[in-house]
C-alpha atoms as a PDB file:
ATOM      1  CA  MET A   1      -0.040   0.017  -0.099  1.00  0.00           C
ATOM      2  CA  LYS A   2       1.669   3.151  -1.117  1.00  0.00           C
ATOM      3  CA  ILE A   3       0.705   6.216   0.905  1.00  0.00           C
ATOM      4  CA  GLN A   4       0.710   9.944  -0.023  1.00  0.00           C
ATOM      5  CA  GLU A   5       3.810  12.045   0.469  1.00  0.00           C
ATOM      6  CA  TYR A   6       2.361  14.289   3.202  1.00  0.00           C
ATOM      7  CA  LEU A   7       1.556  11.050   5.270  1.00  0.00           C
ATOM      8  CA  ALA A   8       5.066   9.441   4.616  1.00  0.00           C
ATOM      9  CA  LYS A   9       6.734  12.749   5.711  1.00  0.00           C
ATOM     10  CA  GLY A  10       4.638  12.682   8.891  1.00  0.00           C
ATOM     11  CA  ILE A  11       6.098   9.200   9.725  1.00  0.00           C
ATOM     12  CA  LEU A  12       9.558  10.502   8.729  1.00  0.00           C
ATOM     13  CA  GLY A  13       9.304  13.291  11.170  1.00  0.00           C
ATOM     14  CA  SER A  14       8.073  11.254  14.014  1.00  0.00           C
ATOM     15  CA  TYR A  15      11.214   9.245  13.635  1.00  0.00           C
ATOM     16  CA  GLY A  16      13.599  12.210  13.848  1.00  0.00           C
ATOM     17  CA  ILE A  17      14.178  12.785  10.214  1.00  0.00           C
ATOM     18  CA  THR A  18      13.981  16.577   9.338  1.00  0.00           C
ATOM     19  CA  VAL A  19      11.322  17.357   6.748  1.00  0.00           C
ATOM     20  CA  PRO A  20      10.505  20.945   5.369  1.00  0.00           C
ATOM     21  CA  SER A  21       7.728  23.024   7.173  1.00  0.00           C
ATOM     22  CA  SER A  22       4.605  22.350   5.491  1.00  0.00           C
ATOM     23  CA  LYS A  23       0.686  22.485   5.279  1.00  0.00           C
ATOM     24  CA  PHE A  24      -1.552  19.979   3.606  1.00  0.00           C
ATOM     25  CA  PHE A  25      -4.594  21.374   1.784  1.00  0.00           C
ATOM     26  CA  SER A  26      -7.316  18.756   0.897  1.00  0.00           C
ATOM     27  CA  SER A  27      -9.371  21.648  -0.680  1.00  0.00           C
ATOM     28  CA  TYR A  28      -8.774  25.399  -1.346  1.00  0.00           C
ATOM     29  CA  SER A  29     -10.879  28.527  -0.774  1.00  0.00           C
ATOM     30  CA  GLY A  30      -8.464  31.203  -1.493  1.00  0.00           C
ATOM     31  CA  SER A  31      -6.498  31.420   1.743  1.00  0.00           C
ATOM     32  CA  ASP A  32      -2.760  32.689   1.831  1.00  0.00           C
ATOM     33  CA  SER A  33       0.247  30.447   1.895  1.00  0.00           C
ATOM     34  CA  PRO A  34       1.718  29.962   5.340  1.00  0.00           C
ATOM     35  CA  PHE A  35       5.243  30.033   3.718  1.00  0.00           C
ATOM     36  CA  LEU A  36       7.084  32.110   1.056  1.00  0.00           C
ATOM     37  CA  PRO A  37       8.631  31.313  -1.121  1.00  0.00           C
ATOM     38  CA  CYS A  38       6.911  27.935  -1.188  1.00  0.00           C
ATOM     39  CA  VAL A  39       6.540  24.719  -3.161  1.00  0.00           C
ATOM     40  CA  LEU A  40       3.252  23.384  -4.174  1.00  0.00           C
ATOM     41  CA  LYS A  41       3.115  19.634  -4.552  1.00  0.00           C
ATOM     42  CA  SER A  42       0.171  17.584  -6.054  1.00  0.00           C
ATOM     43  CA  GLN A  43      -0.587  14.594  -3.769  1.00  0.00           C
ATOM     44  CA  VAL A  44      -0.977  11.858  -6.402  1.00  0.00           C
ATOM     45  CA  LEU A  45       0.502   8.363  -6.194  1.00  0.00           C
ATOM     46  CA  ILE A  46       2.321   9.102  -9.513  1.00  0.00           C
ATOM     47  CA  GLY A  47       6.082   9.290 -10.391  1.00  0.00           C
ATOM     48  CA  SER A  48       7.709  12.181 -12.214  1.00  0.00           C
ATOM     49  CA  ARG A  49       5.429  14.841 -10.697  1.00  0.00           C
ATOM     50  CA  MET A  50       7.775  17.485 -11.519  1.00  0.00           C
ATOM     51  CA  LYS A  51       8.112  16.511 -15.250  1.00  0.00           C
ATOM     52  CA  ASN A  52       4.293  16.323 -15.422  1.00  0.00           C
ATOM     53  CA  GLY A  53       3.207  19.708 -14.029  1.00  0.00           C
ATOM     54  CA  GLY A  54       2.597  18.419 -10.670  1.00  0.00           C
ATOM     55  CA  ILE A  55       4.898  20.517  -8.642  1.00  0.00           C
ATOM     56  CA  LEU A  56       4.866  24.352  -8.831  1.00  0.00           C
ATOM     57  CA  PHE A  57       6.685  27.209  -7.144  1.00  0.00           C
ATOM     58  CA  ALA A  58       5.475  30.545  -5.837  1.00  0.00           C
ATOM     59  CA  ASP A  59       7.281  33.609  -4.624  1.00  0.00           C
ATOM     60  CA  ASN A  60       4.389  35.782  -3.388  1.00  0.00           C
ATOM     61  CA  GLN A  61       0.635  35.351  -2.482  1.00  0.00           C
ATOM     62  CA  GLU A  62      -0.762  36.377  -5.697  1.00  0.00           C
ATOM     63  CA  GLU A  63       1.359  33.704  -7.431  1.00  0.00           C
ATOM     64  CA  PHE A  64       0.427  31.088  -4.782  1.00  0.00           C
ATOM     65  CA  LYS A  65      -3.272  31.653  -5.099  1.00  0.00           C
ATOM     66  CA  SER A  66      -3.204  31.477  -8.892  1.00  0.00           C
ATOM     67  CA  LYS A  67      -1.085  28.218  -8.941  1.00  0.00           C
ATOM     68  CA  MET A  68      -2.906  26.604  -6.086  1.00  0.00           C
ATOM     69  CA  SER A  69      -6.355  27.146  -7.870  1.00  0.00           C
ATOM     70  CA  ILE A  70      -4.961  25.406 -10.878  1.00  0.00           C
ATOM     71  CA  LEU A  71      -3.239  22.569  -9.186  1.00  0.00           C
ATOM     72  CA  ILE A  72      -5.873  21.568  -6.704  1.00  0.00           C
ATOM     73  CA  ASN A  73      -8.057  20.259  -9.511  1.00  0.00           C
ATOM     74  CA  LYS A  74      -5.391  19.329 -12.138  1.00  0.00           C
ATOM     75  CA  PRO A  75      -5.229  15.498 -12.973  1.00  0.00           C
ATOM     76  CA  ILE A  76      -1.610  14.269 -13.210  1.00  0.00           C
ATOM     77  CA  LYS A  77      -1.270  11.369 -15.682  1.00  0.00           C
ATOM     78  CA  GLY A  78      -5.089  11.045 -15.399  1.00  0.00           C
ATOM     79  CA  THR A  79      -5.214  10.963 -11.532  1.00  0.00           C
ATOM     80  CA  LYS A  80      -6.893  13.502  -9.555  1.00  0.00           C
ATOM     81  CA  PRO A  81      -5.009  14.839  -6.522  1.00  0.00           C
ATOM     82  CA  GLU A  82      -6.071  13.974  -2.898  1.00  0.00           C
ATOM     83  CA  GLY A  83      -4.864  17.599  -2.037  1.00  0.00           C
ATOM     84  CA  ILE A  84      -1.909  19.849  -2.251  1.00  0.00           C
ATOM     85  CA  LEU A  85       1.172  19.781   0.163  1.00  0.00           C
ATOM     86  CA  VAL A  86       2.572  23.231   0.555  1.00  0.00           C
ATOM     87  CA  GLU A  87       6.116  23.479   1.824  1.00  0.00           C
ATOM     88  CA  LYS A  88       8.744  26.062   2.553  1.00  0.00           C
ATOM     89  CA  LYS A  89      11.102  26.407  -0.274  1.00  0.00           C
ATOM     90  CA  LEU A  90      14.630  25.754   0.863  1.00  0.00           C
ATOM     91  CA  GLU A  91      18.032  26.768  -0.660  1.00  0.00           C
ATOM     92  CA  ILE A  92      19.876  23.665  -1.447  1.00  0.00           C
ATOM     93  CA  LYS A  93      23.588  22.861  -2.170  1.00  0.00           C
ATOM     94  CA  GLN A  94      23.500  19.144  -3.018  1.00  0.00           C
ATOM     95  CA  GLU A  95      20.938  16.392  -3.463  1.00  0.00           C
ATOM     96  CA  TYR A  96      21.258  12.860  -2.321  1.00  0.00           C
ATOM     97  CA  TYR A  97      19.153   9.658  -2.999  1.00  0.00           C
ATOM     98  CA  CYS A  98      18.530   6.891  -0.382  1.00  0.00           C
ATOM     99  CA  SER A  99      16.135   3.949  -0.402  1.00  0.00           C
ATOM    100  CA  ILE A 100      15.613   0.986   1.815  1.00  0.00           C
ATOM    101  CA  PHE A 101      13.875  -2.080   0.838  1.00  0.00           C
ATOM    102  CA  ILE A 102      13.168  -5.842   1.405  1.00  0.00           C
ATOM    103  CA  ASN A 103      15.384  -7.766  -1.115  1.00  0.00           C
ATOM    104  CA  ARG A 104      13.052 -10.873  -1.216  1.00  0.00           C
ATOM    105  CA  LEU A 105      15.631 -13.032  -3.042  1.00  0.00           C
ATOM    106  CA  GLU A 106      18.267 -12.402  -0.437  1.00  0.00           C
ATOM    107  CA  ARG A 107      15.586 -12.372   2.412  1.00  0.00           C
ATOM    108  CA  ASP A 108      17.283  -9.329   3.886  1.00  0.00           C
ATOM    109  CA  ILE A 109      16.997  -5.595   4.037  1.00  0.00           C
ATOM    110  CA  PHE A 110      19.052  -3.737   1.448  1.00  0.00           C
ATOM    111  CA  LEU A 111      19.929  -0.031   1.087  1.00  0.00           C
ATOM    112  CA  SER A 112      20.708   2.099  -1.880  1.00  0.00           C
ATOM    113  CA  PHE A 113      22.506   5.432  -1.808  1.00  0.00           C
ATOM    114  CA  SER A 114      23.770   8.016  -4.304  1.00  0.00           C
ATOM    115  CA  GLU A 115      25.308  11.394  -4.327  1.00  0.00           C
ATOM    116  CA  CYS A 116      23.329  12.127  -7.463  1.00  0.00           C
ATOM    117  CA  GLY A 117      19.727  12.523  -6.119  1.00  0.00           C
ATOM    118  CA  GLY A 118      16.883  14.475  -7.627  1.00  0.00           C
ATOM    119  CA  ILE A 119      14.575  14.201 -10.495  1.00  0.00           C
ATOM    120  CA  ASN A 120      17.210  12.854 -12.878  1.00  0.00           C
ATOM    121  CA  ILE A 121      18.254   9.993 -10.759  1.00  0.00           C
ATOM    122  CA  GLU A 122      17.136   7.487 -13.386  1.00  0.00           C
ATOM    123  CA  GLU A 123      19.848   8.823 -15.643  1.00  0.00           C
ATOM    124  CA  ASN A 124      22.382   8.451 -12.726  1.00  0.00           C
ATOM    125  CA  THR A 125      22.052   4.803 -11.895  1.00  0.00           C
ATOM    126  CA  ASP A 126      25.687   4.118 -12.334  1.00  0.00           C
ATOM    127  CA  SER A 127      26.227   6.375  -9.167  1.00  0.00           C
ATOM    128  CA  LEU A 128      23.945   4.044  -7.056  1.00  0.00           C
ATOM    129  CA  LYS A 129      25.741   1.906  -4.544  1.00  0.00           C
ATOM    130  CA  THR A 130      23.426  -0.883  -3.226  1.00  0.00           C
ATOM    131  CA  GLY A 131      24.067  -3.495  -0.718  1.00  0.00           C
ATOM    132  CA  LYS A 132      22.920  -5.254   2.635  1.00  0.00           C
ATOM    133  CA  TYR A 133      21.807  -2.723   5.180  1.00  0.00           C
ATOM    134  CA  GLU A 134      24.740  -3.430   7.567  1.00  0.00           C
ATOM    135  CA  ASP A 135      27.350  -3.184   4.899  1.00  0.00           C
ATOM    136  CA  MET A 136      25.776   0.146   3.554  1.00  0.00           C
ATOM    137  CA  VAL A 137      25.703   1.547   7.155  1.00  0.00           C
ATOM    138  CA  ASP A 138      29.455   0.865   7.604  1.00  0.00           C
ATOM    139  CA  TYR A 139      30.031   2.381   3.904  1.00  0.00           C
ATOM    140  CA  ILE A 140      28.080   5.671   4.874  1.00  0.00           C
ATOM    141  CA  SER A 141      29.636   5.907   8.129  1.00  0.00           C
ATOM    142  CA  GLU A 142      33.110   5.809   6.517  1.00  0.00           C
ATOM    143  CA  LYS A 143      32.320   8.203   3.640  1.00  0.00           C
ATOM    144  CA  TYR A 144      29.880  10.705   5.158  1.00  0.00           C
ATOM    145  CA  ASN A 145      29.147  12.389   8.440  1.00  0.00           C
ATOM    146  CA  GLN A 146      26.993  10.806  11.062  1.00  0.00           C
ATOM    147  CA  ASP A 147      23.835  12.761  10.156  1.00  0.00           C
ATOM    148  CA  PHE A 148      23.465  10.430   7.270  1.00  0.00           C
ATOM    149  CA  VAL A 149      23.897   7.479   9.492  1.00  0.00           C
ATOM    150  CA  LYS A 150      21.106   8.696  11.694  1.00  0.00           C
ATOM    151  CA  ILE A 151      18.765   9.007   8.718  1.00  0.00           C
ATOM    152  CA  VAL A 152      19.498   5.454   7.503  1.00  0.00           C
ATOM    153  CA  LYS A 153      19.015   4.016  10.968  1.00  0.00           C
ATOM    154  CA  SER A 154      15.678   5.874  11.389  1.00  0.00           C
ATOM    155  CA  LEU A 155      14.645   4.289   8.099  1.00  0.00           C
ATOM    156  CA  LYS A 156      15.524   0.907   9.364  1.00  0.00           C
ATOM    157  CA  LYS A 157      13.261   1.697  12.512  1.00  0.00           C
ATOM    158  CA  ILE A 158      10.482   2.797  10.393  1.00  0.00           C
ATOM    159  CA  MET A 159      10.473  -0.475   8.393  1.00  0.00           C
ATOM    160  CA  GLU A 160      10.448  -2.430  11.654  1.00  0.00           C
ATOM    161  CA  LYS A 161       7.837  -0.412  13.485  1.00  0.00           C
ATOM    162  CA  GLU A 162       5.591   0.706  10.724  1.00  0.00           C
ATOM    163  CA  ASP A 163       5.716  -2.336   8.640  1.00  0.00           C
ATOM    164  CA  ALA A 164       7.100  -0.488   5.653  1.00  0.00           C
ATOM    165  CA  THR A 165       8.334  -2.603   2.701  1.00  0.00           C
ATOM    166  CA  TYR A 166       9.897   0.244   0.835  1.00  0.00           C
ATOM    167  CA  ILE A 167      11.048   3.718   1.520  1.00  0.00           C
ATOM    168  CA  GLU A 168      12.632   6.205  -0.783  1.00  0.00           C
ATOM    169  CA  ILE A 169      13.913   9.621  -0.035  1.00  0.00           C
ATOM    170  CA  ASN A 170      14.747  11.554  -3.240  1.00  0.00           C
ATOM    171  CA  PRO A 171      16.283  13.801  -2.573  1.00  0.00           C
ATOM    172  CA  ILE A 172      17.884  14.112   0.801  1.00  0.00           C
ATOM    173  CA  ALA A 173      18.797  17.854   0.523  1.00  0.00           C
ATOM    174  CA  LEU A 174      21.787  19.487   2.097  1.00  0.00           C
ATOM    175  CA  THR A 175      20.702  23.038   2.607  1.00  0.00           C
ATOM    176  CA  VAL A 176      22.907  26.074   2.580  1.00  0.00           C
ATOM    177  CA  GLU A 177      22.660  25.728   6.552  1.00  0.00           C
ATOM    178  CA  SER A 178      24.259  22.470   6.236  1.00  0.00           C
ATOM    179  CA  LYS A 179      21.161  20.679   7.353  1.00  0.00           C
ATOM    180  CA  LEU A 180      19.965  17.398   5.757  1.00  0.00           C
ATOM    181  CA  VAL A 181      16.243  17.560   4.960  1.00  0.00           C
ATOM    182  CA  ALA A 182      13.899  14.960   3.195  1.00  0.00           C
ATOM    183  CA  LEU A 183      12.449  16.799   0.347  1.00  0.00           C
ATOM    184  CA  ASP A 184      10.292  14.072  -1.017  1.00  0.00           C
ATOM    185  CA  CYS A 185       9.413  10.550   0.184  1.00  0.00           C
ATOM    186  CA  VAL A 186       7.771   7.315  -1.329  1.00  0.00           C
ATOM    187  CA  MET A 187       6.789   4.769   1.119  1.00  0.00           C
ATOM    188  CA  ASP A 188       4.987   1.541   0.842  1.00  0.00           C
ATOM    189  CA  LEU A 189       3.368  -0.163   3.882  1.00  0.00           C
ATOM    190  CA  ASP A 190       2.353  -3.851   4.149  1.00  0.00           C
ATOM    191  CA  GLU A 191      -1.392  -3.725   4.458  1.00  0.00           C
ATOM    192  CA  ASN A 192      -1.247  -7.534   5.181  1.00  0.00           C
ATOM    193  CA  ALA A 193       0.255  -6.562   8.551  1.00  0.00           C
ATOM    194  CA  TYR A 194      -2.943  -5.076   9.783  1.00  0.00           C
ATOM    195  CA  PHE A 195      -3.747  -7.987  11.904  1.00  0.00           C
ATOM    196  CA  ARG A 196      -0.789  -7.139  14.230  1.00  0.00           C
ATOM    197  CA  ASN A 197      -0.590  -3.413  13.518  1.00  0.00           C
ATOM    198  CA  GLY A 198      -3.925  -1.858  13.846  1.00  0.00           C
ATOM    199  CA  HIS A 199      -2.923   1.794  13.106  1.00  0.00           C
ATOM    200  CA  LEU A 200      -2.205   0.744   9.555  1.00  0.00           C
ATOM    201  CA  LYS A 201      -5.997   1.418   9.183  1.00  0.00           C
ATOM    202  CA  ASN A 202      -5.144   5.088   9.536  1.00  0.00           C
ATOM    203  CA  TYR A 203      -3.177   5.169   6.544  1.00  0.00           C
ATOM    204  CA  MET A 204      -5.511   2.891   4.559  1.00  0.00           C
ATOM    205  CA  ASN A 205      -8.302   5.573   5.218  1.00  0.00           C
ATOM    206  CA  LEU A 206      -6.179   8.594   4.632  1.00  0.00           C
ATOM    207  CA  SER A 207      -4.185   7.406   1.709  1.00  0.00           C
ATOM    208  CA  ASP A 208      -5.329   7.561  -1.867  1.00  0.00           C
ATOM    209  CA  GLN A 209      -7.796   4.707  -1.823  1.00  0.00           C
ATOM    210  CA  LYS A 210     -10.337   6.751  -3.934  1.00  0.00           C
ATOM    211  CA  GLU A 211      -9.567   4.535  -6.891  1.00  0.00           C
ATOM    212  CA  GLN A 212      -9.004   1.274  -5.029  1.00  0.00           C
ATOM    213  CA  PHE A 213      -7.009  -0.258  -7.838  1.00  0.00           C
ATOM    214  CA  HIS A 214      -3.344  -0.800  -8.928  1.00  0.00           C
ATOM    215  CA  TYR A 215      -2.520   1.467 -11.974  1.00  0.00           C
ATOM    216  CA  VAL A 216       0.677   2.005 -13.891  1.00  0.00           C
ATOM    217  CA  LYS A 217       0.538   4.371 -16.949  1.00  0.00           C
ATOM    218  CA  LEU A 218       2.388   3.211 -20.007  1.00  0.00           C
ATOM    219  CA  ASP A 219       3.053   4.966 -23.396  1.00  0.00           C
ATOM    220  CA  GLY A 220       0.574   3.000 -25.487  1.00  0.00           C
ATOM    221  CA  ASP A 221      -3.023   3.612 -26.729  1.00  0.00           C
ATOM    222  CA  ILE A 222      -5.137   0.438 -25.795  1.00  0.00           C
ATOM    223  CA  GLY A 223      -6.371   0.523 -22.255  1.00  0.00           C
ATOM    224  CA  ILE A 224      -6.115  -2.691 -20.226  1.00  0.00           C
ATOM    225  CA  ILE A 225      -8.356  -3.717 -17.261  1.00  0.00           C
ATOM    226  CA  GLY A 226      -8.299  -6.923 -15.277  1.00  0.00           C
ATOM    227  CA  CYS A 227      -9.194  -8.428 -11.833  1.00  0.00           C
ATOM    228  CA  GLY A 228      -5.791  -9.612 -10.776  1.00  0.00           C
ATOM    229  CA  ALA A 229      -2.098  -8.799 -11.810  1.00  0.00           C
ATOM    230  CA  GLY A 230      -1.618 -12.125 -13.639  1.00  0.00           C
ATOM    231  CA  ILE A 231      -4.586 -11.772 -15.914  1.00  0.00           C
ATOM    232  CA  VAL A 232      -3.788  -8.070 -16.573  1.00  0.00           C
ATOM    233  CA  MET A 233      -0.182  -9.010 -17.643  1.00  0.00           C
ATOM    234  CA  ALA A 234      -1.312 -11.871 -19.719  1.00  0.00           C
ATOM    235  CA  THR A 235      -3.755  -9.495 -21.603  1.00  0.00           C
ATOM    236  CA  MET A 236      -0.872  -7.042 -21.984  1.00  0.00           C
ATOM    237  CA  ASP A 237       1.328  -9.692 -23.483  1.00  0.00           C
ATOM    238  CA  ALA A 238      -1.553 -10.756 -26.017  1.00  0.00           C
ATOM    239  CA  ILE A 239      -2.044  -7.259 -27.135  1.00  0.00           C
ATOM    240  CA  SER A 240       1.621  -6.661 -27.499  1.00  0.00           C
ATOM    241  CA  MET A 241       2.172 -10.002 -29.515  1.00  0.00           C
ATOM    242  CA  LYS A 242      -0.464  -8.708 -32.090  1.00  0.00           C
ATOM    243  CA  GLY A 243       1.388  -5.410 -32.394  1.00  0.00           C
ATOM    244  CA  GLY A 244      -0.682  -3.337 -30.096  1.00  0.00           C
ATOM    245  CA  LYS A 245       0.595  -0.953 -27.432  1.00  0.00           C
ATOM    246  CA  PRO A 246      -0.696  -1.260 -23.866  1.00  0.00           C
ATOM    247  CA  ALA A 247      -1.605   2.223 -22.420  1.00  0.00           C
ATOM    248  CA  ASP A 248      -1.410   0.952 -18.849  1.00  0.00           C
ATOM    249  CA  PHE A 249      -1.479  -1.883 -16.254  1.00  0.00           C
ATOM    250  CA  LEU A 250      -4.690  -1.637 -14.298  1.00  0.00           C
ATOM    251  CA  ASP A 251      -5.732  -4.211 -11.835  1.00  0.00           C
ATOM    252  CA  ILE A 252      -9.178  -3.594 -10.301  1.00  0.00           C
ATOM    253  CA  GLY A 253      -8.633  -6.349  -7.795  1.00  0.00           C
ATOM    254  CA  GLY A 254     -10.578  -9.289  -6.799  1.00  0.00           C
ATOM    255  CA  GLY A 255     -14.062  -8.386  -5.402  1.00  0.00           C
ATOM    256  CA  ALA A 256     -14.164  -5.175  -7.446  1.00  0.00           C
ATOM    257  CA  GLU A 257     -17.689  -3.567  -7.520  1.00  0.00           C
ATOM    258  CA  LYS A 258     -19.473  -1.241  -9.768  1.00  0.00           C
ATOM    259  CA  ASP A 259     -17.985   2.098  -8.448  1.00  0.00           C
ATOM    260  CA  ILE A 260     -14.316   0.904  -8.493  1.00  0.00           C
ATOM    261  CA  THR A 261     -14.765  -0.488 -12.100  1.00  0.00           C
ATOM    262  CA  LEU A 262     -16.545   2.831 -13.253  1.00  0.00           C
ATOM    263  CA  ASN A 263     -13.648   4.952 -11.555  1.00  0.00           C
ATOM    264  CA  ALA A 264     -11.183   2.750 -13.499  1.00  0.00           C
ATOM    265  CA  LEU A 265     -12.863   3.240 -16.770  1.00  0.00           C
ATOM    266  CA  LYS A 266     -13.403   6.903 -16.403  1.00  0.00           C
ATOM    267  CA  MET A 267      -9.761   7.437 -15.344  1.00  0.00           C
ATOM    268  CA  LEU A 268      -8.441   5.739 -18.615  1.00  0.00           C
ATOM    269  CA  TYR A 269     -11.007   7.721 -20.750  1.00  0.00           C
ATOM    270  CA  ASP A 270     -10.168  11.129 -19.179  1.00  0.00           C
ATOM    271  CA  SER A 271      -6.596  10.360 -19.970  1.00  0.00           C
ATOM    272  CA  GLY A 272      -7.324  10.014 -23.578  1.00  0.00           C
ATOM    273  CA  ILE A 273      -7.907   6.232 -23.866  1.00  0.00           C
ATOM    274  CA  LYS A 274     -10.894   5.528 -26.130  1.00  0.00           C
ATOM    275  CA  ARG A 275     -10.173   1.796 -26.705  1.00  0.00           C
ATOM    276  CA  ILE A 276     -10.303  -0.557 -23.631  1.00  0.00           C
ATOM    277  CA  VAL A 277      -9.744  -4.288 -23.190  1.00  0.00           C
ATOM    278  CA  MET A 278     -11.286  -5.826 -20.142  1.00  0.00           C
ATOM    279  CA  ASN A 279     -10.307  -9.419 -19.088  1.00  0.00           C
ATOM    280  CA  ILE A 280     -12.527 -10.272 -16.078  1.00  0.00           C
ATOM    281  CA  PHE A 281     -12.560 -13.528 -13.996  1.00  0.00           C
ATOM    282  CA  GLY A 282     -15.231 -13.810 -11.389  1.00  0.00           C
ATOM    283  CA  GLY A 283     -13.579 -15.715  -8.657  1.00  0.00           C
ATOM    284  CA  ILE A 284     -14.566 -13.388  -5.695  1.00  0.00           C
ATOM    285  CA  THR A 285     -15.638 -10.658  -8.370  1.00  0.00           C
ATOM    286  CA  ASN A 286     -19.435 -10.508  -9.200  1.00  0.00           C
ATOM    287  CA  CYS A 287     -19.307 -10.142 -12.917  1.00  0.00           C
ATOM    288  CA  ASP A 288     -22.665  -8.561 -12.944  1.00  0.00           C
ATOM    289  CA  GLU A 289     -21.229  -5.678 -10.919  1.00  0.00           C
ATOM    290  CA  ILE A 290     -18.592  -5.264 -13.684  1.00  0.00           C
ATOM    291  CA  ALA A 291     -21.483  -5.158 -16.240  1.00  0.00           C
ATOM    292  CA  LYS A 292     -23.276  -2.449 -14.519  1.00  0.00           C
ATOM    293  CA  ALA A 293     -20.303  -0.216 -14.522  1.00  0.00           C
ATOM    294  CA  VAL A 294     -19.442  -0.875 -18.304  1.00  0.00           C
ATOM    295  CA  ILE A 295     -23.042  -0.149 -19.261  1.00  0.00           C
ATOM    296  CA  GLU A 296     -23.223   3.120 -17.402  1.00  0.00           C
ATOM    297  CA  PHE A 297     -19.718   4.094 -18.648  1.00  0.00           C
ATOM    298  CA  LYS A 298     -20.768   3.339 -22.397  1.00  0.00           C
ATOM    299  CA  ASN A 299     -23.958   5.171 -22.091  1.00  0.00           C
ATOM    300  CA  GLU A 300     -22.033   8.243 -20.975  1.00  0.00           C
ATOM    301  CA  ASN A 301     -19.156   7.678 -23.505  1.00  0.00           C
ATOM    302  CA  ILE A 302     -20.499   6.490 -26.656  1.00  0.00           C
ATOM    303  CA  ASP A 303     -17.126   7.113 -28.522  1.00  0.00           C
ATOM    304  CA  ALA A 304     -15.357   4.590 -26.335  1.00  0.00           C
ATOM    305  CA  SER A 305     -14.836   1.021 -27.674  1.00  0.00           C
ATOM    306  CA  ILE A 306     -15.047  -1.726 -24.985  1.00  0.00           C
ATOM    307  CA  PHE A 307     -13.795  -5.326 -25.626  1.00  0.00           C
ATOM    308  CA  ILE A 308     -14.722  -7.409 -22.762  1.00  0.00           C
ATOM    309  CA  ARG A 309     -14.460 -11.082 -21.669  1.00  0.00           C
ATOM    310  CA  LEU A 310     -16.155 -12.370 -18.570  1.00  0.00           C
ATOM    311  CA  ALA A 311     -15.923 -15.705 -16.825  1.00  0.00           C
ATOM    312  CA  GLY A 312     -16.706 -17.168 -13.524  1.00  0.00           C
ATOM    313  CA  ASN A 313     -19.084 -15.825 -10.761  1.00  0.00           C
ATOM    314  CA  ASN A 314     -22.393 -14.436 -12.354  1.00  0.00           C
ATOM    315  CA  SER A 315     -20.801 -14.295 -15.751  1.00  0.00           C
ATOM    316  CA  GLU A 316     -23.877 -15.477 -17.614  1.00  0.00           C
ATOM    317  CA  ILE A 317     -25.911 -12.795 -15.965  1.00  0.00           C
ATOM    318  CA  ALA A 318     -23.425 -10.169 -16.801  1.00  0.00           C
ATOM    319  CA  LYS A 319     -23.178 -11.329 -20.442  1.00  0.00           C
ATOM    320  CA  ARG A 320     -27.044 -10.966 -20.827  1.00  0.00           C
ATOM    321  CA  MET A 321     -26.915  -7.474 -19.368  1.00  0.00           C
ATOM    322  CA  LEU A 322     -24.097  -6.471 -21.667  1.00  0.00           C
ATOM    323  CA  GLU A 323     -25.699  -8.068 -24.666  1.00  0.00           C
ATOM    324  CA  ASN A 324     -28.985  -6.391 -23.874  1.00  0.00           C
ATOM    325  CA  ALA A 325     -27.164  -3.002 -23.668  1.00  0.00           C
ATOM    326  CA  GLY A 326     -25.754  -3.667 -27.221  1.00  0.00           C
ATOM    327  CA  ILE A 327     -22.163  -4.416 -25.812  1.00  0.00           C
ATOM    328  CA  LYS A 328     -20.458  -7.551 -27.433  1.00  0.00           C
ATOM    329  CA  THR A 329     -18.667  -9.902 -25.100  1.00  0.00           C
ATOM    330  CA  TYR A 330     -16.042 -12.463 -26.097  1.00  0.00           C
ATOM    331  CA  GLU A 331     -15.727 -16.174 -24.971  1.00  0.00           C
ATOM    332  CA  TYR A 332     -11.897 -16.426 -25.506  1.00  0.00           C
ATOM    333  CA  MET A 333      -9.206 -13.822 -24.938  1.00  0.00           C
ATOM    334  CA  TYR A 334      -7.734 -14.302 -28.401  1.00  0.00           C
ATOM    335  CA  GLU A 335     -11.001 -13.460 -29.963  1.00  0.00           C
ATOM    336  CA  MET A 336     -11.235 -10.265 -27.887  1.00  0.00           C
ATOM    337  CA  VAL A 337      -7.611  -9.228 -28.611  1.00  0.00           C
ATOM    338  CA  ASN A 338      -8.120  -9.967 -32.366  1.00  0.00           C
ATOM    339  CA  SER A 339     -11.233  -7.811 -32.598  1.00  0.00           C
ATOM    340  CA  CYS A 340      -9.671  -4.875 -30.793  1.00  0.00           C
ATOM    341  CA  MET A 341      -6.591  -5.099 -33.122  1.00  0.00           C
ATOM    342  CA  GLU A 342      -8.840  -5.272 -36.249  1.00  0.00           C
ATOM    343  CA  GLU A 343     -10.481  -2.056 -35.034  1.00  0.00           C
ATOM    344  CA  VAL A 344      -6.946  -0.418 -34.564  1.00  0.00           C
ATOM    345  CA  LYS A 345      -6.048  -1.486 -38.123  1.00  0.00           C
ATOM    346  CA  CYS A 346      -9.224  -0.092 -39.632  1.00  0.00           C
ATOM    347  CA  ASN A 347      -8.780   3.227 -37.919  1.00  0.00           C
ATOM    348  CA  ALA A 348      -5.070   3.516 -38.788  1.00  0.00           C
END
């Protein structure tokens, strides 16, 4: 379960890691910024926010109000923000990268560290040094001052106490006052630990659960929706093998109901995807709930093309509902994929 930045930074601060002075706005009615100059950060669970217009800067109140009014309602890669985190802008001398994670192959905690942090870290992967946590603590202790060591030790405590599986601080900023500050944070918590860690429910309620599905945006033009990671990836592979380009990985999960499915369809459509392939297996999912969402969505968006296959729980009911609404269903995945690709070729 990935949590929003403002929640992650709250956890960092409670473990002694310095974060910028900030205020979270879930809505905006024209009030002044508590800090100037300031940074406005869209709270979406999407990477590369800076490159996609999700982070803006303001030097005065007029500029703040104008940019805040725009950003509070601006979708980032098709995802609407939960709110805006406003932080005091800091003067920075250098940016570092640090992440801690569970290496499941090694069955151990690993740490990555780089002197080349920031938005271009993907272009500086050669600078990353990664190893077992204890070895990396020794490395950082020898090469850097003890403030870095305190940060990585605090990250280890967060993993143990908060049931985190992944924490990334990018960047850790060295300010002109020679302070180390966590300017951004990505944090995944293990929701399966709820049985022993009841306060995880707080983050589950507060984090971006509005969509209630797992979504990764890709560069293609064919939307993919399934109810399980395996079936989604198999559908993506089938589309790719036929020469198509998936626009996303979108898993609505087992037990998905009408509203979740409708939100998923609308999100893809609002991001410009007009052709959507849906591969639904009704294990714990009621296929008739999926059908209700598809029918409502199609009635509102007649220019969208839906290619859907349903099998399992209530699938026969769902097929009748869809067919009565004039929406074709497919018995086999290869038929569904072929039909989609024929339409792609016809419109090419």
